[in-house]
Amino acid sequence: MQKSKSIKTPVLTLSDVKRLRELENENGLLKLLYADLLQKFSAMKDGLTRSAGVC
């Protein structure tokens, strides 16, 4: 008879939880930076098309 394989649940240590929280915070900051750059790029693109006379 074959033994059934048990699924091991990963255990998070305190340092794992802290690192995860740091990465989540960093990810949030990067998302804000990306949104800001996207907004600036869009504004520059609009300005260039208007100055070129293209509507």
PDB file of N, CA and C in Angstrom:
ATOM      1  N   MET A   1       0.833  -1.173   0.000  1.00  0.00           N
ATOM      2  CA  MET A   1       0.000   0.000   0.000  1.00  0.00           C
ATOM      3  C   MET A   1       0.885   1.246   0.000  1.00  0.00           C
ATOM      4  N   GLN A   2       0.453   2.236  -0.755  1.00  0.00           N
ATOM      5  CA  GLN A   2       1.226   3.464  -0.875  1.00  0.00           C
ATOM      6  C   GLN A   2       0.802   4.458   0.198  1.00  0.00           C
ATOM      7  N   LYS A   3       1.785   5.123   0.773  1.00  0.00           N
ATOM      8  CA  LYS A   3       1.485   6.148   1.769  1.00  0.00           C
ATOM      9  C   LYS A   3       0.975   7.393   1.065  1.00  0.00           C
ATOM     10  N   SER A   4      -0.008   8.022   1.646  1.00  0.00           N
ATOM     11  CA  SER A   4      -0.507   9.269   1.060  1.00  0.00           C
ATOM     12  C   SER A   4       0.472  10.399   1.384  1.00  0.00           C
ATOM     13  N   LYS A   5       0.673  11.239   0.393  1.00  0.00           N
ATOM     14  CA  LYS A   5       1.584  12.368   0.579  1.00  0.00           C
ATOM     15  C   LYS A   5       0.834  13.491   1.273  1.00  0.00           C
ATOM     16  N   SER A   6       1.401  13.967   2.339  1.00  0.00           N
ATOM     17  CA  SER A   6       0.776  15.088   3.022  1.00  0.00           C
ATOM     18  C   SER A   6       1.315  16.390   2.443  1.00  0.00           C
ATOM     19  N   ILE A   7       0.452  17.344   2.368  1.00  0.00           N
ATOM     20  CA  ILE A   7       0.831  18.657   1.854  1.00  0.00           C
ATOM     21  C   ILE A   7       1.308  19.495   3.030  1.00  0.00           C
ATOM     22  N   LYS A   8       2.528  19.972   2.910  1.00  0.00           N
ATOM     23  CA  LYS A   8       3.096  20.779   3.982  1.00  0.00           C
ATOM     24  C   LYS A   8       2.727  22.239   3.763  1.00  0.00           C
ATOM     25  N   THR A   9       2.185  22.829   4.768  1.00  0.00           N
ATOM     26  CA  THR A   9       1.847  24.244   4.717  1.00  0.00           C
ATOM     27  C   THR A   9       3.103  25.039   5.057  1.00  0.00           C
ATOM     28  N   PRO A  10       3.446  26.004   4.186  1.00  0.00           N
ATOM     29  CA  PRO A  10       4.642  26.797   4.489  1.00  0.00           C
ATOM     30  C   PRO A  10       4.453  27.615   5.767  1.00  0.00           C
ATOM     31  N   VAL A  11       5.486  27.667   6.539  1.00  0.00           N
ATOM     32  CA  VAL A  11       5.448  28.411   7.796  1.00  0.00           C
ATOM     33  C   VAL A  11       6.213  29.708   7.606  1.00  0.00           C
ATOM     34  N   LEU A  12       5.559  30.810   7.924  1.00  0.00           N
ATOM     35  CA  LEU A  12       6.217  32.109   7.823  1.00  0.00           C
ATOM     36  C   LEU A  12       6.811  32.482   9.173  1.00  0.00           C
ATOM     37  N   THR A  13       8.063  32.840   9.133  1.00  0.00           N
ATOM     38  CA  THR A  13       8.716  33.294  10.355  1.00  0.00           C
ATOM     39  C   THR A  13       8.459  34.788  10.516  1.00  0.00           C
ATOM     40  N   LEU A  14       8.813  35.319  11.647  1.00  0.00           N
ATOM     41  CA  LEU A  14       8.635  36.743  11.895  1.00  0.00           C
ATOM     42  C   LEU A  14       9.435  37.568  10.893  1.00  0.00           C
ATOM     43  N   SER A  15      10.633  37.113  10.572  1.00  0.00           N
ATOM     44  CA  SER A  15      11.449  37.851   9.591  1.00  0.00           C
ATOM     45  C   SER A  15      10.818  37.779   8.202  1.00  0.00           C
ATOM     46  N   ASP A  16      10.172  36.669   7.875  1.00  0.00           N
ATOM     47  CA  ASP A  16       9.469  36.557   6.593  1.00  0.00           C
ATOM     48  C   ASP A  16       8.321  37.561   6.515  1.00  0.00           C
ATOM     49  N   VAL A  17       7.582  37.672   7.607  1.00  0.00           N
ATOM     50  CA  VAL A  17       6.456  38.594   7.655  1.00  0.00           C
ATOM     51  C   VAL A  17       6.937  40.034   7.537  1.00  0.00           C
ATOM     52  N   LYS A  18       8.022  40.368   8.211  1.00  0.00           N
ATOM     53  CA  LYS A  18       8.582  41.726   8.129  1.00  0.00           C
ATOM     54  C   LYS A  18       9.036  42.025   6.706  1.00  0.00           C
ATOM     55  N   ARG A  19       9.713  41.074   6.088  1.00  0.00           N
ATOM     56  CA  ARG A  19      10.198  41.266   4.709  1.00  0.00           C
ATOM     57  C   ARG A  19       9.025  41.419   3.748  1.00  0.00           C
ATOM     58  N   LEU A  20       7.994  40.624   3.935  1.00  0.00           N
ATOM     59  CA  LEU A  20       6.811  40.726   3.097  1.00  0.00           C
ATOM     60  C   LEU A  20       6.181  42.106   3.229  1.00  0.00           C
ATOM     61  N   ARG A  21       6.087  42.602   4.441  1.00  0.00           N
ATOM     62  CA  ARG A  21       5.522  43.933   4.680  1.00  0.00           C
ATOM     63  C   ARG A  21       6.382  45.011   4.008  1.00  0.00           C
ATOM     64  N   GLU A  22       7.706  44.869   4.092  1.00  0.00           N
ATOM     65  CA  GLU A  22       8.607  45.822   3.434  1.00  0.00           C
ATOM     66  C   GLU A  22       8.407  45.802   1.919  1.00  0.00           C
ATOM     67  N   LEU A  23       8.289  44.606   1.356  1.00  0.00           N
ATOM     68  CA  LEU A  23       8.106  44.486  -0.087  1.00  0.00           C
ATOM     69  C   LEU A  23       6.760  45.055  -0.525  1.00  0.00           C
ATOM     70  N   GLU A  24       5.736  44.857   0.289  1.00  0.00           N
ATOM     71  CA  GLU A  24       4.424  45.412  -0.036  1.00  0.00           C
ATOM     72  C   GLU A  24       4.467  46.943  -0.004  1.00  0.00           C
ATOM     73  N   ASN A  25       5.165  47.517   0.975  1.00  0.00           N
ATOM     74  CA  ASN A  25       5.309  48.966   1.045  1.00  0.00           C
ATOM     75  C   ASN A  25       6.085  49.500  -0.153  1.00  0.00           C
ATOM     76  N   GLU A  26       7.169  48.825  -0.496  1.00  0.00           N
ATOM     77  CA  GLU A  26       7.972  49.237  -1.641  1.00  0.00           C
ATOM     78  C   GLU A  26       7.160  49.146  -2.929  1.00  0.00           C
ATOM     79  N   ASN A  27       6.374  48.095  -3.055  1.00  0.00           N
ATOM     80  CA  ASN A  27       5.530  47.924  -4.234  1.00  0.00           C
ATOM     81  C   ASN A  27       4.528  49.070  -4.344  1.00  0.00           C
ATOM     82  N   GLY A  28       3.949  49.470  -3.219  1.00  0.00           N
ATOM     83  CA  GLY A  28       3.010  50.589  -3.219  1.00  0.00           C
ATOM     84  C   GLY A  28       3.670  51.885  -3.660  1.00  0.00           C
ATOM     85  N   LEU A  29       4.883  52.121  -3.191  1.00  0.00           N
ATOM     86  CA  LEU A  29       5.622  53.325  -3.594  1.00  0.00           C
ATOM     87  C   LEU A  29       5.946  53.294  -5.084  1.00  0.00           C
ATOM     88  N   LEU A  30       6.346  52.143  -5.580  1.00  0.00           N
ATOM     89  CA  LEU A  30       6.658  52.019  -7.007  1.00  0.00           C
ATOM     90  C   LEU A  30       5.423  52.251  -7.867  1.00  0.00           C
ATOM     91  N   LYS A  31       4.275  51.795  -7.403  1.00  0.00           N
ATOM     92  CA  LYS A  31       3.033  52.026  -8.139  1.00  0.00           C
ATOM     93  C   LYS A  31       2.716  53.519  -8.197  1.00  0.00           C
ATOM     94  N   LEU A  32       2.946  54.230  -7.080  1.00  0.00           N
ATOM     95  CA  LEU A  32       2.714  55.674  -7.065  1.00  0.00           C
ATOM     96  C   LEU A  32       3.676  56.394  -8.008  1.00  0.00           C
ATOM     97  N   LEU A  33       4.946  55.983  -8.009  1.00  0.00           N
ATOM     98  CA  LEU A  33       5.931  56.592  -8.911  1.00  0.00           C
ATOM     99  C   LEU A  33       5.554  56.356 -10.368  1.00  0.00           C
ATOM    100  N   TYR A  34       5.111  55.146 -10.666  1.00  0.00           N
ATOM    101  CA  TYR A  34       4.707  54.811 -12.031  1.00  0.00           C
ATOM    102  C   TYR A  34       3.515  55.668 -12.461  1.00  0.00           C
ATOM    103  N   ALA A  35       2.530  55.809 -11.590  1.00  0.00           N
ATOM    104  CA  ALA A  35       1.355  56.618 -11.915  1.00  0.00           C
ATOM    105  C   ALA A  35       1.751  58.068 -12.148  1.00  0.00           C
ATOM    106  N   ASP A  36       2.670  58.588 -11.341  1.00  0.00           N
ATOM    107  CA  ASP A  36       3.136  59.959 -11.496  1.00  0.00           C
ATOM    108  C   ASP A  36       3.871  60.138 -12.830  1.00  0.00           C
ATOM    109  N   LEU A  37       4.739  59.206 -13.154  1.00  0.00           N
ATOM    110  CA  LEU A  37       5.475  59.294 -14.420  1.00  0.00           C
ATOM    111  C   LEU A  37       4.534  59.178 -15.618  1.00  0.00           C
ATOM    112  N   LEU A  38       3.546  58.315 -15.509  1.00  0.00           N
ATOM    113  CA  LEU A  38       2.575  58.146 -16.588  1.00  0.00           C
ATOM    114  C   LEU A  38       1.787  59.434 -16.805  1.00  0.00           C
ATOM    115  N   GLN A  39       1.426  60.099 -15.713  1.00  0.00           N
ATOM    116  CA  GLN A  39       0.693  61.357 -15.807  1.00  0.00           C
ATOM    117  C   GLN A  39       1.570  62.440 -16.434  1.00  0.00           C
ATOM    118  N   LYS A  40       2.836  62.505 -16.024  1.00  0.00           N
ATOM    119  CA  LYS A  40       3.749  63.502 -16.594  1.00  0.00           C
ATOM    120  C   LYS A  40       3.993  63.235 -18.078  1.00  0.00           C
ATOM    121  N   PHE A  41       4.160  61.983 -18.441  1.00  0.00           N
ATOM    122  CA  PHE A  41       4.378  61.619 -19.840  1.00  0.00           C
ATOM    123  C   PHE A  41       3.173  62.017 -20.686  1.00  0.00           C
ATOM    124  N   SER A  42       1.987  61.753 -20.165  1.00  0.00           N
ATOM    125  CA  SER A  42       0.770  62.089 -20.893  1.00  0.00           C
ATOM    126  C   SER A  42       0.660  63.599 -21.091  1.00  0.00           C
ATOM    127  N   ALA A  43       0.992  64.365 -20.052  1.00  0.00           N
ATOM    128  CA  ALA A  43       0.937  65.823 -20.152  1.00  0.00           C
ATOM    129  C   ALA A  43       1.970  66.333 -21.156  1.00  0.00           C
ATOM    130  N   MET A  44       3.170  65.766 -21.159  1.00  0.00           N
ATOM    131  CA  MET A  44       4.198  66.190 -22.108  1.00  0.00           C
ATOM    132  C   MET A  44       3.776  65.835 -23.534  1.00  0.00           C
ATOM    133  N   LYS A  45       3.206  64.672 -23.712  1.00  0.00           N
ATOM    134  CA  LYS A  45       2.768  64.235 -25.029  1.00  0.00           C
ATOM    135  C   LYS A  45       1.675  65.159 -25.547  1.00  0.00           C
ATOM    136  N   ASP A  46       0.711  65.538 -24.678  1.00  0.00           N
ATOM    137  CA  ASP A  46      -0.341  66.471 -25.068  1.00  0.00           C
ATOM    138  C   ASP A  46       0.248  67.827 -25.450  1.00  0.00           C
ATOM    139  N   GLY A  47       1.205  68.288 -24.672  1.00  0.00           N
ATOM    140  CA  GLY A  47       1.844  69.566 -24.975  1.00  0.00           C
ATOM    141  C   GLY A  47       2.585  69.555 -26.284  1.00  0.00           C
ATOM    142  N   LEU A  48       3.266  68.468 -26.586  1.00  0.00           N
ATOM    143  CA  LEU A  48       4.011  68.371 -27.840  1.00  0.00           C
ATOM    144  C   LEU A  48       3.084  68.317 -29.038  1.00  0.00           C
ATOM    145  N   THR A  49       1.985  67.571 -28.911  1.00  0.00           N
ATOM    146  CA  THR A  49       1.064  67.479 -30.053  1.00  0.00           C
ATOM    147  C   THR A  49       0.370  68.805 -30.287  1.00  0.00           C
ATOM    148  N   ARG A  50       0.095  69.554 -29.220  1.00  0.00           N
ATOM    149  CA  ARG A  50      -0.549  70.869 -29.385  1.00  0.00           C
ATOM    150  C   ARG A  50       0.436  71.873 -29.997  1.00  0.00           C
ATOM    151  N   SER A  51       1.708  71.814 -29.571  1.00  0.00           N
ATOM    152  CA  SER A  51       2.690  72.764 -30.114  1.00  0.00           C
ATOM    153  C   SER A  51       3.034  72.437 -31.566  1.00  0.00           C
ATOM    154  N   ALA A  52       2.834  71.183 -31.961  1.00  0.00           N
ATOM    155  CA  ALA A  52       3.107  70.799 -33.341  1.00  0.00           C
ATOM    156  C   ALA A  52       1.916  71.115 -34.236  1.00  0.00           C
ATOM    157  N   GLY A  53       0.809  71.496 -33.626  1.00  0.00           N
ATOM    158  CA  GLY A  53      -0.365  71.851 -34.414  1.00  0.00           C
ATOM    159  C   GLY A  53      -1.258  70.670 -34.748  1.00  0.00           C
ATOM    160  N   VAL A  54      -0.990  69.544 -34.128  1.00  0.00           N
ATOM    161  CA  VAL A  54      -1.807  68.359 -34.355  1.00  0.00           C
ATOM    162  C   VAL A  54      -2.864  68.287 -33.259  1.00  0.00           C
ATOM    163  N   CYS A  55      -4.118  68.212 -33.652  1.00  0.00           N
ATOM    164  CA  CYS A  55      -5.189  68.168 -32.636  1.00  0.00           C
ATOM    165  C   CYS A  55      -5.827  66.829 -32.562  1.00  0.00           C
TER     166      CYS A  55
END
